[in-house]
């Protein structure tokens, strides 16, 4: 039986096609990128500036599988790399906390498609920014303050201030700037001072109540002070809070 030249050519092409590598390991190409984290508070407000995601899982999908065929972890500066890849189509993706809900699951998926056009291609993807939910006391910010108490007397419709003293064992309430929910209650010491620690970056307010006030606070009789933790190591002094109590 004779094998024609056309048959040999078809056979050789078949061998070449069958030997051409699919997407995945076994090549000299690579994909590199960086992942940053943006913290969110309970109001879904951004808390502080983005920072590198350390030891964060990054996944890769070979071809059109849509599955996580491999994964790697970011370094201390948020950088990741998939190496020894063949020429072809890939998808790189990461998981993130939701941006509209505080629920742990389901999570968001952020994905980017990558084409490796040559066997030694070194591709870079755009920066990933993932979101992480934080409680108000998951940080390192510190705020200190003082409460002064004015001792008042009322005669008829006239109120006069007789004296002022440090307000001892007075409740001070913490809130986010844009929420009426009380996050925590603190008490002043014998000198009228208080400290709020472990705050994440964000805008807050505190208030104390005069004698006639009740919770929820009446804006006419509650003394509000506003402050901001600008980064995770901020220490701020809150303006003095004054309340009125009557003899």
Foldseek 3Di string as FASTA:
>chain_A
DDDDPVNVVVVVVVVVVVPQDFKDAAFFEKEKEFEWEFEAEQVLDTFADIAGDAQFKKFKDTAPPPDRPDIDGAHPRRMDMDGRIAFAKMKIKHWADDSHDPDRDDIDIDMDIDGRHHRNHYHYDYYHYGYDYDYQQQFFEKEKEFEKEFEWEDDPNDIDTDDIATDFQFWKFKDAPPDLDTRDIWGAHPRRMDMDGRGTWHKMKMWTFAPPADPVGDPVTIWMWIDTDHHRNHYYYIPYTYHYYYD
